[in-house]
Each structure stands twice: as C-alpha cells, then as structure tokens.
Protein backbone atom coordinates (compact mmCIF):
# COMPACT_ATOMS: atom_id res chain seq x y z
CA MET A 1 -0.05 -0.10 0.22
CA LYS A 2 0.98 3.59 -0.79
CA LYS A 3 1.74 5.84 2.04
CA ILE A 4 0.02 9.03 0.96
CA ALA A 5 -3.74 9.40 -0.56
CA VAL A 6 -4.60 12.22 -2.77
CA VAL A 7 -8.12 12.57 -2.31
CA ILE A 8 -10.09 14.97 -4.63
CA LEU A 9 -13.54 15.77 -3.62
CA ASN A 10 -16.11 16.41 -6.50
CA TRP A 11 -19.79 17.47 -6.99
CA ASN A 12 -20.77 18.30 -10.62
CA GLY A 13 -17.43 18.88 -11.35
CA VAL A 14 -16.80 16.67 -14.54
CA GLU A 15 -15.06 19.39 -16.53
CA LEU A 16 -12.78 20.49 -13.69
CA LEU A 17 -11.85 16.81 -13.43
CA GLN A 18 -11.01 16.44 -17.43
CA GLN A 19 -8.97 19.40 -17.12
CA PHE A 20 -7.16 18.71 -13.76
CA LEU A 21 -7.18 15.08 -12.97
CA PRO A 22 -4.55 13.74 -15.83
CA ASN A 23 -2.31 16.18 -14.37
CA VAL A 24 -2.47 14.78 -10.65
CA ILE A 25 -2.20 11.16 -12.25
CA GLN A 26 0.81 12.12 -14.05
CA TYR A 27 2.80 13.93 -11.30
CA SER A 28 1.61 11.47 -8.28
CA PRO A 29 3.24 8.17 -8.86
CA GLU A 30 3.74 8.16 -5.06
CA ALA A 31 0.21 8.47 -4.05
CA THR A 32 -3.02 6.45 -4.22
CA ILE A 33 -5.58 8.55 -6.40
CA TYR A 34 -9.09 9.03 -4.92
CA VAL A 35 -12.25 10.92 -6.35
CA ALA A 36 -14.45 11.27 -3.48
CA ASP A 37 -18.12 12.28 -5.22
CA ASN A 38 -20.56 14.18 -3.31
CA ALA A 39 -23.51 12.68 -5.08
CA SER A 40 -23.17 14.59 -8.36
CA THR A 41 -25.95 14.53 -10.97
CA ASP A 42 -23.42 14.97 -13.93
CA ASP A 43 -21.54 12.30 -15.28
CA SER A 44 -18.50 12.74 -13.36
CA VAL A 45 -18.38 8.94 -11.72
CA ALA A 46 -18.80 7.22 -15.05
CA TRP A 47 -16.22 9.58 -16.64
CA VAL A 48 -13.50 8.73 -14.14
CA GLN A 49 -14.24 5.02 -14.40
CA THR A 50 -14.34 5.00 -18.03
CA HIS A 51 -11.05 7.03 -18.68
CA TYR A 52 -8.90 6.35 -15.36
CA PRO A 53 -10.18 2.94 -13.92
CA MET A 54 -6.99 3.07 -11.90
CA VAL A 55 -8.43 6.02 -9.85
CA LYS A 56 -10.39 4.74 -6.84
CA ILE A 57 -13.96 6.28 -6.28
CA ILE A 58 -15.75 6.58 -3.14
CA GLN A 59 -19.41 7.69 -3.55
CA ASN A 60 -21.06 9.60 -0.99
CA HIS A 61 -24.94 9.60 -0.61
CA ALA A 62 -25.66 13.22 -0.73
CA ASN A 63 -23.91 16.60 -1.14
CA TYR A 64 -22.38 16.81 2.13
CA GLY A 65 -20.30 20.04 1.33
CA PHE A 66 -16.56 20.18 1.85
CA ALA A 67 -16.59 19.27 5.57
CA LYS A 68 -18.73 16.27 6.03
CA GLY A 69 -18.06 15.31 2.26
CA TYR A 70 -14.51 14.53 3.23
CA ASN A 71 -15.43 13.15 6.91
CA GLU A 72 -17.45 10.52 5.07
CA ALA A 73 -15.06 10.02 2.26
CA LEU A 74 -12.05 9.40 4.12
CA LEU A 75 -13.64 6.65 6.36
CA SER A 76 -12.89 4.42 3.11
CA VAL A 77 -9.15 5.80 3.00
CA GLU A 78 -6.61 3.53 4.33
CA GLU A 79 -3.43 5.25 3.83
CA GLU A 80 -1.36 7.10 6.55
CA LEU A 81 -1.09 10.29 5.16
CA TYR A 82 -4.06 12.21 3.29
CA ALA A 83 -3.36 15.36 0.72
CA LEU A 84 -6.86 16.85 0.23
CA VAL A 85 -6.85 18.22 -3.01
CA ASN A 86 -9.59 20.78 -4.61
CA SER A 87 -10.78 19.88 -8.04
CA ASP A 88 -9.53 22.77 -9.49
CA ILE A 89 -5.68 22.57 -8.45
CA GLU A 90 -3.08 22.10 -10.95
CA VAL A 91 -0.10 20.21 -9.21
CA THR A 92 3.43 20.38 -10.62
CA GLU A 93 6.35 17.91 -11.28
CA ASN A 94 7.68 16.39 -7.76
CA TRP A 95 4.98 18.16 -5.84
CA LEU A 96 4.53 15.62 -3.37
CA GLN A 97 8.44 14.63 -2.71
CA PRO A 98 9.28 17.76 -0.33
CA ILE A 99 5.91 17.05 1.38
CA LEU A 100 6.49 13.62 2.04
CA SER A 101 9.96 14.33 3.29
CA LEU A 102 8.89 16.97 5.72
CA PHE A 103 6.48 14.48 7.35
CA GLU A 104 9.25 11.77 7.50
CA ASN A 105 11.96 13.86 8.95
CA GLU A 106 9.26 15.81 11.32
CA ALA A 107 7.40 13.64 13.75
CA THR A 108 5.48 16.54 15.40
CA THR A 109 4.68 18.14 11.86
CA SER A 110 0.77 16.84 11.44
CA ILE A 111 -0.46 19.13 8.82
CA VAL A 112 1.25 20.65 5.71
CA GLN A 113 0.28 23.38 2.97
CA PRO A 114 2.20 23.88 -0.34
CA LYS A 115 3.00 27.18 -2.02
CA ILE A 116 -0.48 28.06 -3.73
CA LEU A 117 -0.42 30.34 -6.98
CA ASP A 118 -3.03 31.63 -9.06
CA PHE A 119 -3.92 29.12 -11.92
CA LYS A 120 -5.05 32.39 -14.05
CA ASN A 121 -2.15 34.51 -13.28
CA LYS A 122 0.61 32.15 -12.39
CA LYS A 123 2.99 34.83 -11.22
CA TYR A 124 0.96 35.45 -8.47
CA PHE A 125 -0.29 34.08 -5.32
CA GLU A 126 -3.89 32.45 -4.98
CA TYR A 127 -6.38 34.15 -2.59
CA ALA A 128 -7.06 30.76 -0.62
CA GLY A 129 -3.83 29.95 0.95
CA ALA A 130 -1.08 31.66 -0.79
CA GLY A 131 2.36 31.15 1.30
CA GLY A 132 0.61 29.84 4.24
CA GLY A 133 -2.22 31.19 6.83
CA PHE A 134 -2.47 33.06 9.89
CA ILE A 135 -5.28 34.62 12.04
CA ASP A 136 -5.16 37.90 13.95
CA LYS A 137 -6.61 38.22 17.86
CA TYR A 138 -10.25 38.18 16.48
CA ALA A 139 -9.86 35.42 14.10
CA PHE A 140 -9.55 37.31 10.74
CA PRO A 141 -7.49 34.98 8.34
CA TYR A 142 -4.70 36.27 6.35
CA CYS A 143 -1.61 34.60 4.37
CA ARG A 144 1.79 35.38 3.59
CA GLY A 145 1.28 36.69 0.13
CA ARG A 146 -2.55 37.54 0.37
CA ILE A 147 -3.81 40.34 3.09
CA PHE A 148 -7.44 40.80 2.29
CA ASP A 149 -7.90 41.68 -1.21
CA THR A 150 -4.14 42.43 -1.83
CA ILE A 151 -2.28 39.47 -3.47
CA GLU A 152 1.54 39.66 -3.95
CA GLU A 153 3.52 38.66 -6.90
CA ASP A 154 5.74 35.73 -6.33
CA HIS A 155 9.49 36.49 -6.48
CA GLY A 156 10.54 33.72 -4.52
CA GLN A 157 9.87 35.29 -1.40
CA TYR A 158 8.12 32.42 0.52
CA ASN A 159 10.26 29.65 -1.09
CA ASP A 160 11.16 28.78 2.55
CA THR A 161 9.77 26.10 5.07
CA ARG A 162 7.75 27.60 8.02
CA THR A 163 5.43 26.83 10.95
CA ILE A 164 2.09 28.51 9.98
CA PHE A 165 -1.17 28.70 12.03
CA TRP A 166 -3.31 27.46 9.16
CA ALA A 167 -3.14 25.38 6.22
CA SER A 168 -5.61 26.12 3.16
CA GLY A 169 -8.35 23.44 2.24
CA ALA A 170 -7.50 23.94 -1.26
CA CYS A 171 -4.38 21.69 -0.81
CA PHE A 172 -4.30 20.40 2.31
CA PHE A 173 -2.05 17.34 3.93
CA ILE A 174 -2.65 16.14 7.11
CA ARG A 175 -1.60 12.54 9.16
CA LYS A 176 -4.25 10.18 9.02
CA GLU A 177 -4.10 9.49 12.74
CA VAL A 178 -4.29 13.45 13.56
CA PHE A 179 -7.25 13.71 11.53
CA GLN A 180 -9.04 10.69 13.07
CA GLU A 181 -8.11 12.32 16.76
CA LEU A 182 -9.55 15.51 16.10
CA LYS A 183 -12.74 13.80 14.31
CA GLY A 184 -12.32 15.40 11.24
CA PHE A 185 -13.69 18.82 9.91
CA ASP A 186 -16.50 20.09 11.58
CA PRO A 187 -19.82 18.86 9.43
CA ASP A 188 -21.75 21.96 10.78
CA PHE A 189 -19.32 24.42 8.75
CA PHE A 190 -20.60 22.81 5.38
CA ALA A 191 -17.84 25.01 3.48
CA HIS A 192 -15.31 27.78 4.35
CA GLN A 193 -12.84 28.07 7.11
CA GLU A 194 -13.59 24.58 8.55
CA GLU A 195 -9.71 24.04 7.61
CA ILE A 196 -8.85 26.93 9.99
CA ASP A 197 -11.03 25.44 12.63
CA LEU A 198 -9.47 22.09 12.23
CA CYS A 199 -5.72 23.52 12.46
CA TRP A 200 -6.72 25.56 15.45
CA ARG A 201 -8.04 22.53 17.26
CA ALA A 202 -4.85 20.81 16.37
CA PHE A 203 -2.65 23.81 17.68
CA ASN A 204 -4.78 23.55 20.92
CA LYS A 205 -3.70 19.79 21.11
CA GLY A 206 0.08 20.69 20.50
CA TYR A 207 0.46 19.95 16.74
CA THR A 208 2.27 21.61 14.20
CA ALA A 209 1.66 22.83 10.82
CA LYS A 210 3.92 23.96 8.18
CA TYR A 211 4.39 25.44 5.02
CA CYS A 212 6.51 23.75 2.28
CA GLY A 213 7.51 26.52 -0.25
CA GLN A 214 9.61 23.77 -2.36
CA SER A 215 6.23 22.40 -3.40
CA THR A 216 3.82 24.29 -5.68
CA VAL A 217 0.54 23.88 -7.02
CA TYR A 218 -1.77 26.34 -8.93
CA HIS A 219 -5.52 26.97 -7.65
CA VAL A 220 -8.25 28.13 -10.19
CA GLY A 221 -10.28 29.33 -6.99
CA GLY A 222 -14.07 30.12 -6.75
CA ALA A 223 -14.81 27.29 -8.99
CA THR A 224 -17.21 25.62 -6.96
CA LEU A 225 -18.79 28.88 -5.08
CA GLU A 226 -18.46 32.15 -6.77
CA THR A 227 -15.88 34.53 -5.35
CA GLY A 228 -17.48 37.46 -3.67
CA SER A 229 -21.15 35.75 -3.53
CA PRO A 230 -23.56 36.69 -0.38
CA ARG A 231 -23.79 32.90 0.27
CA LYS A 232 -19.93 32.62 0.73
CA THR A 233 -20.07 36.31 2.88
CA PHE A 234 -22.46 34.33 5.16
CA LEU A 235 -20.59 31.15 5.46
CA ASN A 236 -17.24 33.08 6.26
CA PHE A 237 -18.67 35.29 8.87
CA ARG A 238 -20.96 32.43 10.64
CA ASN A 239 -18.15 30.03 10.52
CA SER A 240 -15.51 32.41 11.95
CA LEU A 241 -17.86 33.25 14.98
CA TRP A 242 -18.32 29.48 15.55
CA MET A 243 -14.72 28.84 15.35
CA MET A 244 -13.99 31.39 17.93
CA ILE A 245 -16.37 29.73 20.47
CA LYS A 246 -14.96 26.69 19.76
CA ASN A 247 -11.35 27.45 20.10
CA LEU A 248 -10.79 30.93 22.07
CA PRO A 249 -8.79 30.34 25.34
CA THR A 250 -11.37 30.75 28.19
CA ALA A 251 -9.99 33.91 29.59
CA SER A 252 -10.46 36.06 26.31
CA LEU A 253 -13.46 34.01 24.86
CA PHE A 254 -16.18 36.59 25.64
CA PRO A 255 -14.24 40.00 25.33
CA VAL A 256 -12.72 38.94 21.88
CA LEU A 257 -16.07 37.53 20.51
CA PHE A 258 -17.67 40.99 21.67
CA PHE A 259 -15.12 42.97 19.96
CA ARG A 260 -15.08 40.91 16.67
CA MET A 261 -18.81 41.08 16.53
CA VAL A 262 -18.68 45.01 16.77
CA LEU A 263 -16.14 44.55 13.81
CA ASP A 264 -18.51 42.54 11.88
CA GLY A 265 -21.04 45.43 12.24
CA VAL A 266 -18.84 47.60 10.73
CA ALA A 267 -18.29 45.34 7.79
CA GLY A 268 -21.79 45.34 7.17
CA VAL A 269 -22.14 49.03 7.24
CA ARG A 270 -19.26 49.01 4.57
CA PHE A 271 -21.01 46.60 2.42
CA LEU A 272 -24.19 49.02 2.73
CA LEU A 273 -21.70 51.84 1.66
CA GLN A 274 -20.27 50.01 -1.54
CA GLY A 275 -24.09 49.24 -2.40
CA LYS A 276 -23.94 45.59 -1.46
CA PRO A 277 -27.06 45.00 0.67
CA LYS A 278 -27.30 41.36 0.06
CA HIS A 279 -23.69 41.06 1.48
CA LEU A 280 -25.14 43.38 4.50
CA TRP A 281 -28.14 40.79 5.12
CA ALA A 282 -25.59 38.06 4.69
CA VAL A 283 -23.35 39.45 7.64
CA LEU A 284 -26.68 39.71 9.73
CA GLU A 285 -28.06 36.27 8.74
CA ALA A 286 -24.59 34.88 10.14
CA HIS A 287 -24.90 36.55 13.52
CA PHE A 288 -28.54 35.39 13.85
CA ASN A 289 -27.64 31.80 13.06
CA PHE A 290 -24.55 32.55 15.71
CA TYR A 291 -27.02 33.34 18.14
CA LEU A 292 -29.23 30.44 17.37
CA CYS A 293 -26.47 27.92 17.91
CA PHE A 294 -24.22 29.60 20.63
CA PHE A 295 -24.80 27.20 23.34
CA LYS A 296 -24.32 24.11 20.73
CA PHE A 297 -20.76 25.27 19.98
CA LEU A 298 -19.90 26.06 23.49
CA ARG A 299 -20.53 22.72 24.14
CA LYS A 300 -18.03 21.64 21.51
CA ARG A 301 -15.11 23.46 23.23
CA ASP A 302 -12.08 20.93 24.05
CA LEU A 303 -9.11 22.83 25.09
CA GLN A 304 -6.50 20.67 26.53
CA LYS A 305 -3.59 22.74 25.58
CA THR A 306 -3.92 26.58 24.80
CA GLY A 307 -1.24 29.16 23.67
CA LYS A 308 -1.10 32.38 21.66
CA TYR A 309 -2.89 31.97 18.30
CA TYR A 310 -2.13 35.18 16.64
CA LYS A 311 0.88 37.35 15.92
CA ILE A 312 -0.80 40.61 15.65
CA ASN A 313 -3.78 41.96 17.36
CA SER A 314 -5.65 43.22 14.47
CA ILE A 315 -5.22 42.79 10.55
CA VAL A 316 -8.21 45.01 10.16
CA TYR A 317 -6.04 47.79 11.98
CA ARG A 318 -3.08 47.10 9.98
CA TYR A 319 -4.42 46.93 6.78
CA PHE A 320 -7.13 49.70 6.52
CA ILE A 321 -5.67 52.30 9.04
CA LYS A 322 -2.01 51.73 8.79
CA SER A 323 -1.74 50.67 5.06
CA GLY A 324 -0.06 47.31 5.86
CA LYS A 325 -0.67 45.85 2.55
CA ILE A 326 1.97 43.08 2.35
CA PHE A 327 3.16 40.29 4.85
CA ALA A 328 6.50 41.64 5.18
CA GLU A 329 5.08 44.64 6.92
CA TYR A 330 4.03 42.37 9.71
C-alpha cells in the first residue's frame, strides 16, 4: 500500500476533472488517487471510471459540502497521509516529494500546505492559502502573499519552510491519525473556514502546521462557489464566529467575541456603503445563526492545551488604518 492518498472531492465537476485529473495522475506516482464524489448528478463518476479506471471512486450518499464530504469519504481511505486536493488544482512535477520528506523527518509536523499560486495569473499567489495562513486576535485570516484583497507577486520570497497557523483546504495535507483524533472537519460548517477550525483545534492539542515552499500548485479558485457571492460572505462570517466559540482561550472568549462582533457590524456598514445590501444581509443572517447555535458550539470546546494563536492584534487595523498591505510589513 502506498503511504499517501490524494483525495479529490467532487460535486458536478466533470469539466474540472477532465482538465486537472490527468495532471494529478501524471505527477503523483507516489500516491493512491481517489475521487470522492458528493452525489453528483452529472457524469463525473462515469467519466472517471471510463477514462481512469486506476482511480478509486468513493461515492457519498448526498452533497455533504466540503467538511462532511471529506469526513465521510476518508472513512474509506487507508493510507497514513491524506492530501486533500480541490478539483480545480493543477499540481506540478515532484510536488509530493518535499512534503513527504517533511512528514518523514519531522514527527511533530502534522499538517502541511504547499505554495499556492493563481492558475489564472501564475506569477501571483492565490487568495486561498497563498504562502501559508495566520489569524489575528479576532480570528480574521490572512496569508503570506495575501492580506484581504491585496495579492503579492511571487518573487521566491516565500520559498522557505516554516511554521504557520493554518493550511488552506484547497491543498491540505494531514496525518491520518491526527485527522481521526480531531474527528475530522466540523460538519456543521459545510464549507469555508473548516480547515482553519481544524488547524486551531490541532494547535490547541500541541500539533504543528507547516508551509512547504518547495512544493507548488496552482488553484483556479471560486470554481465551486462564486467568489464574492453573498452565500460565501454568510459562510465566512458565521463559521468564523463558530470557530471562535470552539477555540478561543477561556479567559479571552467573551471579550474577543464581543469586539469581533463589533468589527462585523462595521463590515456590514461598509457593505451597505459599497452598494452591496445582499452582503449586509448575509452578515446579519450569519449573526442570527450564531446566536441560534451559540450553546451548541460552546459545548464543542475541547481545549487540552492553549497558547498565543495570533502574531498581531488586528489585521483590520494594520491593513485599513496603517496601510500594511503585504506580509513583510507584519
């Protein structure tokens, strides 16, 4: 049995599979390749079975989204390392070797992300993950190579290997035993920020996440949920609040949550001033859902070990007030 499984979650994405699956197969001889299908209604499964019978198919019973979709599919995967790869990822030659080496030589490293560049503009980092992720005190995510909507050009400035706080779900490596110990992604999230929640829970248990700049992939981005959609705004705001309830240190839980909610209100007003009332409504809906589920998520807290999870207090302040647009300024 091979050591690593590349698992591609699919939902009605036959065109993406046609475009990117051959590349994954060509450049991943070290891996067993799986397509985990979320009850697609197109001919995704039939196409894979016809053209690439060596690829293993896992068929979920419904469209479970990213979080539960992977949780269900990975129950059937025996390899000791998981590479969870979006269907709109183009991998490169030898992309797996440096990551496999990292896992083999660093027993405490449990989660790894490669360099993620933009498939549509390959000189630039891609929004979802870029050069490795972090969060500020109020759980706003940012990356080396991407702060809010400012994307850096890749000049080799992040060709290193270093500890990060979260790895992008677009191309996410994790040890099977750690994924199982953490009980996988939180299925209530459906999609968006479930990988940050998982990494935060791993951090609270003493595990390390790393970025590996010697491995490069290209991500289309927004192929399954349109970038800038109100639905995406809702999921990001709601899931971020849920994540904070679960993972913030006890002493700072309520003060930090309160201030984050104030900042969300400011974001809502900003959406209104930008002429985006549907996004304002998405923020309000996210907060209503947060209140409705508050005690459910409070009961999910499992903090065996906590530490300082952030490097700066407020990425919002640094970016919008101090004009800190690139990671090097932090």
